[in-house]
Amino acid sequence: MNLRTALLQGQKLLEDAKIAVPRLTAEVLLAHAIGCDRPWLYAHSDEELRELWWIHYGRYLHQRLDGKPTQYITGRQEFFGREFRVTPDVLIPRPETEHVVEEALKRVAGAAAIVDVGTGSGAIAVTLALETQALVIGTDVSTAALEIAAENARRLGAGARFVACDLAGALPAAAFDLVVSNPPYVPEGDMTTLQKEVREHEPSVALYGGADGFEIYRRLVPESRRLLRQAGWLIMELAYNAASEVTRMLEGWCDVDIACDLAGVARVITARRP
């Protein structure tokens, strides 16, 4: 069997199982099995599939058909143009979360210190450390997640630091110019509505925000007021229907604004500490 045929067979299996983007998924899994990039597959499409490649490819296809996300199979996910290591201990970084970084970069001039609350893989913290001159600290309740974040920082050459704590309880008051966060915001009652890939494989601590999805927002807003210096910025990702409720939580803050994603969905809320 050559690589072209292996790709077609993998694509057909994924299509029959109604897996999204079956061709791309087959390419990514086969490239991972071989240890090459996707363009190499096309340059060598007539090459015979070696036994070891077939064993790995078959295992990866089986895992994906069983619902395991492609990113957890390959251990990689791109974010803001950089490749991050991901495992089931961390939420898979989404493209939508890049808007949090973009909004932070608009407000980072003169910032000396930034904290990323609930850092997970470190995608936001590491990116901001590389894109700015500020000291960046990421916090998380999961020590397993912090190990992944620290590994990503080392591998990408970022000077971000990481602290294990609930929200940012271990950090001093009035020490930061920006607080950024992609908090857990899925209501616990919506668990059964999530895709199998998310529900069964991504860490629940990074997904669920209490009964109504707003539990972490309610805690993070006053915690951010404690953390921020005067006129510092709070920047948070929003659930698709959270803008109105979170805006109410920010009563008394200055310059409250909503940024939408490319689909026009309210995605990021920003506010300045009075």
C-alpha atoms as a PDB file:
ATOM      1  CA  MET A   1       0.000   0.000   0.000  1.00  0.00           C
ATOM      2  CA  ASN A   2       1.371   3.436  -0.869  1.00  0.00           C
ATOM      3  CA  LEU A   3       0.816   6.660   1.029  1.00  0.00           C
ATOM      4  CA  ARG A   4      -1.862   7.887  -1.387  1.00  0.00           C
ATOM      5  CA  THR A   5      -3.952   4.781  -0.798  1.00  0.00           C
ATOM      6  CA  ALA A   6      -3.419   4.960   2.963  1.00  0.00           C
ATOM      7  CA  LEU A   7      -4.698   8.537   2.966  1.00  0.00           C
ATOM      8  CA  LEU A   8      -7.777   7.611   0.952  1.00  0.00           C
ATOM      9  CA  GLN A   9      -8.586   4.685   3.246  1.00  0.00           C
ATOM     10  CA  GLY A  10      -8.156   6.825   6.351  1.00  0.00           C
ATOM     11  CA  GLN A  11     -10.293   9.565   4.845  1.00  0.00           C
ATOM     12  CA  LYS A  12     -13.075   7.071   4.056  1.00  0.00           C
ATOM     13  CA  LEU A  13     -13.076   5.699   7.617  1.00  0.00           C
ATOM     14  CA  LEU A  14     -13.308   9.202   9.063  1.00  0.00           C
ATOM     15  CA  GLU A  15     -16.019  10.254   6.608  1.00  0.00           C
ATOM     16  CA  ASP A  16     -18.126   7.220   7.467  1.00  0.00           C
ATOM     17  CA  ALA A  17     -17.802   8.094  11.156  1.00  0.00           C
ATOM     18  CA  LYS A  18     -18.812  11.706  10.393  1.00  0.00           C
ATOM     19  CA  ILE A  19     -15.541  13.087  11.735  1.00  0.00           C
ATOM     20  CA  ALA A  20     -15.057  16.733  10.771  1.00  0.00           C
ATOM     21  CA  VAL A  21     -12.534  17.595   8.029  1.00  0.00           C
ATOM     22  CA  PRO A  22     -11.743  13.915   7.302  1.00  0.00           C
ATOM     23  CA  ARG A  23      -9.134  14.548   4.615  1.00  0.00           C
ATOM     24  CA  LEU A  24      -7.150  17.000   6.711  1.00  0.00           C
ATOM     25  CA  THR A  25      -7.418  14.733   9.757  1.00  0.00           C
ATOM     26  CA  ALA A  26      -6.141  11.740   7.794  1.00  0.00           C
ATOM     27  CA  GLU A  27      -3.219  13.809   6.515  1.00  0.00           C
ATOM     28  CA  VAL A  28      -2.309  15.066   9.992  1.00  0.00           C
ATOM     29  CA  LEU A  29      -2.490  11.583  11.521  1.00  0.00           C
ATOM     30  CA  LEU A  30      -0.468   9.931   8.760  1.00  0.00           C
ATOM     31  CA  ALA A  31       2.164  12.676   8.879  1.00  0.00           C
ATOM     32  CA  HIS A  32       2.360  12.210  12.649  1.00  0.00           C
ATOM     33  CA  ALA A  33       2.724   8.444  12.238  1.00  0.00           C
ATOM     34  CA  ILE A  34       5.605   8.918   9.807  1.00  0.00           C
ATOM     35  CA  GLY A  35       7.178  11.870  11.597  1.00  0.00           C
ATOM     36  CA  CYS A  36       6.997  14.206   8.611  1.00  0.00           C
ATOM     37  CA  ASP A  37       5.043  17.293   7.606  1.00  0.00           C
ATOM     38  CA  ARG A  38       1.971  17.193   5.374  1.00  0.00           C
ATOM     39  CA  PRO A  39       3.691  18.483   2.197  1.00  0.00           C
ATOM     40  CA  TRP A  40       6.091  15.523   2.422  1.00  0.00           C
ATOM     41  CA  LEU A  41       3.141  13.175   2.006  1.00  0.00           C
ATOM     42  CA  TYR A  42       2.316  14.622  -1.379  1.00  0.00           C
ATOM     43  CA  ALA A  43       5.911  14.700  -2.532  1.00  0.00           C
ATOM     44  CA  HIS A  44       6.175  10.974  -1.683  1.00  0.00           C
ATOM     45  CA  SER A  45       2.617   9.793  -2.348  1.00  0.00           C
ATOM     46  CA  ASP A  46       3.827   6.731  -4.284  1.00  0.00           C
ATOM     47  CA  GLU A  47       6.117   5.582  -1.484  1.00  0.00           C
ATOM     48  CA  GLU A  48       5.197   2.297   0.149  1.00  0.00           C
ATOM     49  CA  LEU A  49       3.696   2.502   3.608  1.00  0.00           C
ATOM     50  CA  ARG A  50       6.151   0.864   5.981  1.00  0.00           C
ATOM     51  CA  GLU A  51       4.877  -1.561   8.602  1.00  0.00           C
ATOM     52  CA  LEU A  52       5.767   0.690  11.546  1.00  0.00           C
ATOM     53  CA  TRP A  53       4.046   3.649   9.902  1.00  0.00           C
ATOM     54  CA  TRP A  54       0.944   1.526   9.325  1.00  0.00           C
ATOM     55  CA  ILE A  55       0.855   0.393  12.962  1.00  0.00           C
ATOM     56  CA  HIS A  56       1.030   3.985  14.245  1.00  0.00           C
ATOM     57  CA  TYR A  57      -1.410   5.294  11.641  1.00  0.00           C
ATOM     58  CA  GLY A  58      -3.933   2.582  12.429  1.00  0.00           C
ATOM     59  CA  ARG A  59      -3.699   3.314  16.145  1.00  0.00           C
ATOM     60  CA  TYR A  60      -4.163   7.057  15.617  1.00  0.00           C
ATOM     61  CA  LEU A  61      -7.164   6.490  13.345  1.00  0.00           C
ATOM     62  CA  HIS A  62      -8.721   4.209  15.951  1.00  0.00           C
ATOM     63  CA  GLN A  63      -8.207   6.837  18.667  1.00  0.00           C
ATOM     64  CA  ARG A  64      -9.776   9.553  16.523  1.00  0.00           C
ATOM     65  CA  LEU A  65     -12.734   7.326  15.630  1.00  0.00           C
ATOM     66  CA  ASP A  66     -13.187   6.754  19.363  1.00  0.00           C
ATOM     67  CA  GLY A  67     -13.518  10.509  19.876  1.00  0.00           C
ATOM     68  CA  LYS A  68     -10.051  11.509  21.003  1.00  0.00           C
ATOM     69  CA  PRO A  69      -9.242  14.969  19.599  1.00  0.00           C
ATOM     70  CA  THR A  70      -6.578  15.088  16.920  1.00  0.00           C
ATOM     71  CA  GLN A  71      -4.569  17.570  18.997  1.00  0.00           C
ATOM     72  CA  TYR A  72      -4.293  15.109  21.887  1.00  0.00           C
ATOM     73  CA  ILE A  73      -3.187  12.380  19.500  1.00  0.00           C
ATOM     74  CA  THR A  74      -0.440  14.500  17.956  1.00  0.00           C
ATOM     75  CA  GLY A  75       0.258  16.446  21.155  1.00  0.00           C
ATOM     76  CA  ARG A  76       0.320  19.706  19.208  1.00  0.00           C
ATOM     77  CA  GLN A  77      -1.840  22.744  18.553  1.00  0.00           C
ATOM     78  CA  GLU A  78      -0.978  26.014  16.836  1.00  0.00           C
ATOM     79  CA  PHE A  79      -1.783  29.265  18.610  1.00  0.00           C
ATOM     80  CA  PHE A  80      -0.868  32.753  17.423  1.00  0.00           C
ATOM     81  CA  GLY A  81       1.527  31.296  14.871  1.00  0.00           C
ATOM     82  CA  ARG A  82       3.394  29.073  17.339  1.00  0.00           C
ATOM     83  CA  GLU A  83       3.162  25.371  18.083  1.00  0.00           C
ATOM     84  CA  PHE A  84       2.163  24.436  21.633  1.00  0.00           C
ATOM     85  CA  ARG A  85       2.299  21.053  23.290  1.00  0.00           C
ATOM     86  CA  VAL A  86      -1.079  19.888  24.549  1.00  0.00           C
ATOM     87  CA  THR A  87      -2.205  16.864  26.542  1.00  0.00           C
ATOM     88  CA  PRO A  88      -5.540  15.873  28.131  1.00  0.00           C
ATOM     89  CA  ASP A  89      -4.371  17.839  31.201  1.00  0.00           C
ATOM     90  CA  VAL A  90      -4.981  21.119  29.348  1.00  0.00           C
ATOM     91  CA  LEU A  91      -7.739  22.654  27.283  1.00  0.00           C
ATOM     92  CA  ILE A  92      -6.938  22.705  23.571  1.00  0.00           C
ATOM     93  CA  PRO A  93      -6.276  26.364  22.631  1.00  0.00           C
ATOM     94  CA  ARG A  94      -8.934  27.667  20.241  1.00  0.00           C
ATOM     95  CA  PRO A  95      -8.475  30.248  17.488  1.00  0.00           C
ATOM     96  CA  GLU A  96     -11.112  32.401  19.193  1.00  0.00           C
ATOM     97  CA  THR A  97      -8.828  32.812  22.200  1.00  0.00           C
ATOM     98  CA  GLU A  98      -6.311  34.610  20.010  1.00  0.00           C
ATOM     99  CA  HIS A  99      -8.683  37.590  20.273  1.00  0.00           C
ATOM    100  CA  VAL A 100      -7.786  37.797  23.985  1.00  0.00           C
ATOM    101  CA  VAL A 101      -4.131  38.201  23.013  1.00  0.00           C
ATOM    102  CA  GLU A 102      -5.003  40.767  20.344  1.00  0.00           C
ATOM    103  CA  GLU A 103      -6.999  42.877  22.806  1.00  0.00           C
ATOM    104  CA  ALA A 104      -4.205  42.628  25.371  1.00  0.00           C
ATOM    105  CA  LEU A 105      -1.604  43.777  22.853  1.00  0.00           C
ATOM    106  CA  LYS A 106      -3.700  46.877  22.140  1.00  0.00           C
ATOM    107  CA  ARG A 107      -3.436  47.852  25.812  1.00  0.00           C
ATOM    108  CA  VAL A 108       0.024  46.633  26.756  1.00  0.00           C
ATOM    109  CA  ALA A 109       2.003  49.844  26.145  1.00  0.00           C
ATOM    110  CA  GLY A 110       3.985  50.610  29.291  1.00  0.00           C
ATOM    111  CA  ALA A 111       2.837  47.449  31.057  1.00  0.00           C
ATOM    112  CA  ALA A 112       5.416  45.949  33.408  1.00  0.00           C
ATOM    113  CA  ALA A 113       3.503  42.902  34.645  1.00  0.00           C
ATOM    114  CA  ILE A 114       0.696  40.711  33.306  1.00  0.00           C
ATOM    115  CA  VAL A 115      -1.107  37.775  34.904  1.00  0.00           C
ATOM    116  CA  ASP A 116      -2.934  35.058  32.951  1.00  0.00           C
ATOM    117  CA  VAL A 117      -5.477  33.471  35.287  1.00  0.00           C
ATOM    118  CA  GLY A 118      -6.221  29.828  34.455  1.00  0.00           C
ATOM    119  CA  THR A 119      -3.310  29.525  32.069  1.00  0.00           C
ATOM    120  CA  GLY A 120      -3.763  25.859  31.067  1.00  0.00           C
ATOM    121  CA  SER A 121      -1.267  25.112  28.291  1.00  0.00           C
ATOM    122  CA  GLY A 122       0.219  28.570  28.767  1.00  0.00           C
ATOM    123  CA  ALA A 123      -0.880  29.644  25.292  1.00  0.00           C
ATOM    124  CA  ILE A 124      -1.892  33.160  26.345  1.00  0.00           C
ATOM    125  CA  ALA A 125       0.880  33.666  28.905  1.00  0.00           C
ATOM    126  CA  VAL A 126       3.670  32.389  26.672  1.00  0.00           C
ATOM    127  CA  THR A 127       2.417  34.389  23.701  1.00  0.00           C
ATOM    128  CA  LEU A 128       2.253  37.619  25.695  1.00  0.00           C
ATOM    129  CA  ALA A 129       5.703  36.973  27.157  1.00  0.00           C
ATOM    130  CA  LEU A 130       7.087  36.620  23.634  1.00  0.00           C
ATOM    131  CA  GLU A 131       5.150  39.546  22.178  1.00  0.00           C
ATOM    132  CA  THR A 132       5.849  42.066  24.963  1.00  0.00           C
ATOM    133  CA  GLN A 133       8.596  43.144  27.335  1.00  0.00           C
ATOM    134  CA  ALA A 134       6.427  42.583  30.405  1.00  0.00           C
ATOM    135  CA  LEU A 135       6.846  40.060  33.184  1.00  0.00           C
ATOM    136  CA  VAL A 136       4.099  37.476  32.609  1.00  0.00           C
ATOM    137  CA  ILE A 137       2.824  35.095  35.277  1.00  0.00           C
ATOM    138  CA  GLY A 138       0.362  32.291  34.577  1.00  0.00           C
ATOM    139  CA  THR A 139      -1.692  30.700  37.333  1.00  0.00           C
ATOM    140  CA  ASP A 140      -3.707  27.487  37.473  1.00  0.00           C
ATOM    141  CA  VAL A 141      -5.165  25.122  40.053  1.00  0.00           C
ATOM    142  CA  SER A 142      -3.833  22.164  38.054  1.00  0.00           C
ATOM    143  CA  THR A 143      -0.173  21.372  38.627  1.00  0.00           C
ATOM    144  CA  ALA A 144      -0.291  18.978  35.660  1.00  0.00           C
ATOM    145  CA  ALA A 145      -1.393  21.866  33.439  1.00  0.00           C
ATOM    146  CA  LEU A 146       1.358  24.084  34.830  1.00  0.00           C
ATOM    147  CA  GLU A 147       3.958  21.481  33.894  1.00  0.00           C
ATOM    148  CA  ILE A 148       2.751  21.650  30.285  1.00  0.00           C
ATOM    149  CA  ALA A 149       2.712  25.462  30.380  1.00  0.00           C
ATOM    150  CA  ALA A 150       6.265  25.578  31.746  1.00  0.00           C
ATOM    151  CA  GLU A 151       7.412  23.123  29.080  1.00  0.00           C
ATOM    152  CA  ASN A 152       5.869  25.289  26.361  1.00  0.00           C
ATOM    153  CA  ALA A 153       7.577  28.372  27.784  1.00  0.00           C
ATOM    154  CA  ARG A 154      10.969  26.639  27.826  1.00  0.00           C
ATOM    155  CA  ARG A 155      10.589  25.221  24.345  1.00  0.00           C
ATOM    156  CA  LEU A 156       9.513  28.539  22.841  1.00  0.00           C
ATOM    157  CA  GLY A 157      12.035  30.604  24.771  1.00  0.00           C
ATOM    158  CA  ALA A 158       9.511  32.622  26.767  1.00  0.00           C
ATOM    159  CA  GLY A 159      10.313  34.076  30.168  1.00  0.00           C
ATOM    160  CA  ALA A 160       6.847  33.451  31.591  1.00  0.00           C
ATOM    161  CA  ARG A 161       6.576  32.150  35.143  1.00  0.00           C
ATOM    162  CA  PHE A 162       3.892  29.911  36.576  1.00  0.00           C
ATOM    163  CA  VAL A 163       2.230  29.652  39.993  1.00  0.00           C
ATOM    164  CA  ALA A 164      -0.158  27.025  41.357  1.00  0.00           C
ATOM    165  CA  CYS A 165      -3.107  28.662  43.099  1.00  0.00           C
ATOM    166  CA  ASP A 166      -6.861  29.227  42.952  1.00  0.00           C
ATOM    167  CA  LEU A 167      -7.418  32.136  40.555  1.00  0.00           C
ATOM    168  CA  ALA A 168      -4.544  34.404  41.610  1.00  0.00           C
ATOM    169  CA  GLY A 169      -4.813  34.099  45.371  1.00  0.00           C
ATOM    170  CA  ALA A 170      -1.059  33.583  45.813  1.00  0.00           C
ATOM    171  CA  LEU A 171      -0.170  36.827  44.025  1.00  0.00           C
ATOM    172  CA  PRO A 172       0.183  40.285  45.600  1.00  0.00           C
ATOM    173  CA  ALA A 173      -2.350  43.092  45.305  1.00  0.00           C
ATOM    174  CA  ALA A 174      -1.932  46.047  42.957  1.00  0.00           C
ATOM    175  CA  ALA A 175       1.010  44.373  41.206  1.00  0.00           C
ATOM    176  CA  PHE A 176      -0.252  43.983  37.626  1.00  0.00           C
ATOM    177  CA  ASP A 177      -1.085  46.182  34.661  1.00  0.00           C
ATOM    178  CA  LEU A 178      -3.160  43.550  32.857  1.00  0.00           C
ATOM    179  CA  VAL A 179      -5.204  40.588  34.012  1.00  0.00           C
ATOM    180  CA  VAL A 180      -6.107  38.243  31.145  1.00  0.00           C
ATOM    181  CA  SER A 181      -8.142  35.066  31.286  1.00  0.00           C
ATOM    182  CA  ASN A 182     -10.074  32.487  29.317  1.00  0.00           C
ATOM    183  CA  PRO A 183     -12.122  31.238  32.267  1.00  0.00           C
ATOM    184  CA  PRO A 184     -14.256  28.083  32.391  1.00  0.00           C
ATOM    185  CA  TYR A 185     -17.720  29.182  31.249  1.00  0.00           C
ATOM    186  CA  VAL A 186     -19.755  26.143  30.196  1.00  0.00           C
ATOM    187  CA  PRO A 187     -22.790  25.627  32.490  1.00  0.00           C
ATOM    188  CA  GLU A 188     -22.617  22.237  34.154  1.00  0.00           C
ATOM    189  CA  GLY A 189     -26.108  21.457  32.875  1.00  0.00           C
ATOM    190  CA  ASP A 190     -24.868  21.794  29.307  1.00  0.00           C
ATOM    191  CA  MET A 191     -22.389  18.950  29.686  1.00  0.00           C
ATOM    192  CA  THR A 192     -24.438  16.516  27.633  1.00  0.00           C
ATOM    193  CA  THR A 193     -24.751  18.987  24.754  1.00  0.00           C
ATOM    194  CA  LEU A 194     -21.010  19.223  24.214  1.00  0.00           C
ATOM    195  CA  GLN A 195     -19.265  17.287  21.481  1.00  0.00           C
ATOM    196  CA  LYS A 196     -17.951  13.917  22.594  1.00  0.00           C
ATOM    197  CA  GLU A 197     -14.400  15.085  21.889  1.00  0.00           C
ATOM    198  CA  VAL A 198     -14.820  17.912  24.402  1.00  0.00           C
ATOM    199  CA  ARG A 199     -17.040  16.216  26.976  1.00  0.00           C
ATOM    200  CA  GLU A 200     -15.021  13.022  27.331  1.00  0.00           C
ATOM    201  CA  HIS A 201     -11.475  14.217  26.743  1.00  0.00           C
ATOM    202  CA  GLU A 202     -10.866  17.833  27.753  1.00  0.00           C
ATOM    203  CA  PRO A 203     -10.332  18.653  31.456  1.00  0.00           C
ATOM    204  CA  SER A 204     -13.588  19.478  33.236  1.00  0.00           C
ATOM    205  CA  VAL A 205     -11.898  22.001  35.524  1.00  0.00           C
ATOM    206  CA  ALA A 206     -11.105  24.100  32.437  1.00  0.00           C
ATOM    207  CA  LEU A 207     -14.589  23.759  30.936  1.00  0.00           C
ATOM    208  CA  TYR A 208     -17.319  24.164  33.516  1.00  0.00           C
ATOM    209  CA  GLY A 209     -18.159  27.435  35.224  1.00  0.00           C
ATOM    210  CA  GLY A 210     -20.689  26.265  37.784  1.00  0.00           C
ATOM    211  CA  ALA A 211     -24.429  25.801  37.432  1.00  0.00           C
ATOM    212  CA  ASP A 212     -24.949  28.826  35.187  1.00  0.00           C
ATOM    213  CA  GLY A 213     -21.468  29.207  33.696  1.00  0.00           C
ATOM    214  CA  PHE A 214     -20.736  32.488  35.493  1.00  0.00           C
ATOM    215  CA  GLU A 215     -19.155  31.201  38.711  1.00  0.00           C
ATOM    216  CA  ILE A 216     -15.559  32.034  37.759  1.00  0.00           C
ATOM    217  CA  TYR A 217     -16.501  35.409  36.275  1.00  0.00           C
ATOM    218  CA  ARG A 218     -18.151  36.351  39.595  1.00  0.00           C
ATOM    219  CA  ARG A 219     -14.948  35.553  41.446  1.00  0.00           C
ATOM    220  CA  LEU A 220     -12.507  36.827  38.845  1.00  0.00           C
ATOM    221  CA  VAL A 221     -13.894  40.358  38.546  1.00  0.00           C
ATOM    222  CA  PRO A 222     -13.305  41.339  42.210  1.00  0.00           C
ATOM    223  CA  GLU A 223     -10.045  39.358  42.270  1.00  0.00           C
ATOM    224  CA  SER A 224      -8.848  41.347  39.267  1.00  0.00           C
ATOM    225  CA  ARG A 225      -9.702  44.597  40.974  1.00  0.00           C
ATOM    226  CA  ARG A 226      -7.410  43.494  43.800  1.00  0.00           C
ATOM    227  CA  LEU A 227      -4.615  42.485  41.450  1.00  0.00           C
ATOM    228  CA  LEU A 228      -4.614  45.484  39.140  1.00  0.00           C
ATOM    229  CA  ARG A 229      -2.813  48.741  39.549  1.00  0.00           C
ATOM    230  CA  GLN A 230      -4.889  51.875  39.076  1.00  0.00           C
ATOM    231  CA  ALA A 231      -6.134  52.097  35.471  1.00  0.00           C
ATOM    232  CA  GLY A 232      -4.981  48.532  34.770  1.00  0.00           C
ATOM    233  CA  TRP A 233      -6.936  46.379  32.301  1.00  0.00           C
ATOM    234  CA  LEU A 234      -9.021  43.238  32.759  1.00  0.00           C
ATOM    235  CA  ILE A 235      -9.428  41.184  29.557  1.00  0.00           C
ATOM    236  CA  MET A 236     -11.595  38.053  29.541  1.00  0.00           C
ATOM    237  CA  GLU A 237     -12.908  35.669  26.929  1.00  0.00           C
ATOM    238  CA  LEU A 238     -16.690  35.386  26.850  1.00  0.00           C
ATOM    239  CA  ALA A 239     -19.109  32.559  26.321  1.00  0.00           C
ATOM    240  CA  TYR A 240     -21.286  33.201  23.269  1.00  0.00           C
ATOM    241  CA  ASN A 241     -24.204  34.447  25.425  1.00  0.00           C
ATOM    242  CA  ALA A 242     -22.323  35.969  28.362  1.00  0.00           C
ATOM    243  CA  ALA A 243     -21.728  39.575  27.311  1.00  0.00           C
ATOM    244  CA  SER A 244     -24.715  41.171  29.062  1.00  0.00           C
ATOM    245  CA  GLU A 245     -24.278  39.354  32.374  1.00  0.00           C
ATOM    246  CA  VAL A 246     -20.523  39.924  32.570  1.00  0.00           C
ATOM    247  CA  THR A 247     -20.987  43.587  31.641  1.00  0.00           C
ATOM    248  CA  ARG A 248     -23.296  43.941  34.653  1.00  0.00           C
ATOM    249  CA  MET A 249     -20.571  42.465  36.862  1.00  0.00           C
ATOM    250  CA  LEU A 250     -18.249  45.237  35.706  1.00  0.00           C
ATOM    251  CA  GLU A 251     -20.448  48.065  36.948  1.00  0.00           C
ATOM    252  CA  GLY A 252     -18.156  50.790  38.304  1.00  0.00           C
ATOM    253  CA  TRP A 253     -15.278  49.853  35.993  1.00  0.00           C
ATOM    254  CA  CYS A 254     -14.177  52.210  33.223  1.00  0.00           C
ATOM    255  CA  ASP A 255     -14.073  51.846  29.444  1.00  0.00           C
ATOM    256  CA  VAL A 256     -15.971  48.565  29.345  1.00  0.00           C
ATOM    257  CA  ASP A 257     -15.942  47.275  25.771  1.00  0.00           C
ATOM    258  CA  ILE A 258     -16.834  44.144  23.807  1.00  0.00           C
ATOM    259  CA  ALA A 259     -14.757  42.764  20.916  1.00  0.00           C
ATOM    260  CA  CYS A 260     -16.370  40.358  18.462  1.00  0.00           C
ATOM    261  CA  ASP A 261     -14.773  37.438  16.659  1.00  0.00           C
ATOM    262  CA  LEU A 262     -14.776  36.957  12.895  1.00  0.00           C
ATOM    263  CA  ALA A 263     -18.282  35.467  13.071  1.00  0.00           C
ATOM    264  CA  GLY A 264     -19.607  38.591  14.808  1.00  0.00           C
ATOM    265  CA  VAL A 265     -19.998  36.831  18.173  1.00  0.00           C
ATOM    266  CA  ALA A 266     -19.123  38.830  21.303  1.00  0.00           C
ATOM    267  CA  ARG A 267     -15.870  37.100  22.249  1.00  0.00           C
ATOM    268  CA  VAL A 268     -13.771  39.311  24.553  1.00  0.00           C
ATOM    269  CA  ILE A 269     -14.690  41.860  27.208  1.00  0.00           C
ATOM    270  CA  THR A 270     -12.234  44.513  28.332  1.00  0.00           C
ATOM    271  CA  ALA A 271     -12.497  46.927  31.243  1.00  0.00           C
ATOM    272  CA  ARG A 272     -10.192  49.362  33.030  1.00  0.00           C
ATOM    273  CA  ARG A 273      -9.858  49.481  36.801  1.00  0.00           C
ATOM    274  CA  PRO A 274     -11.128  52.804  38.119  1.00  0.00           C
END
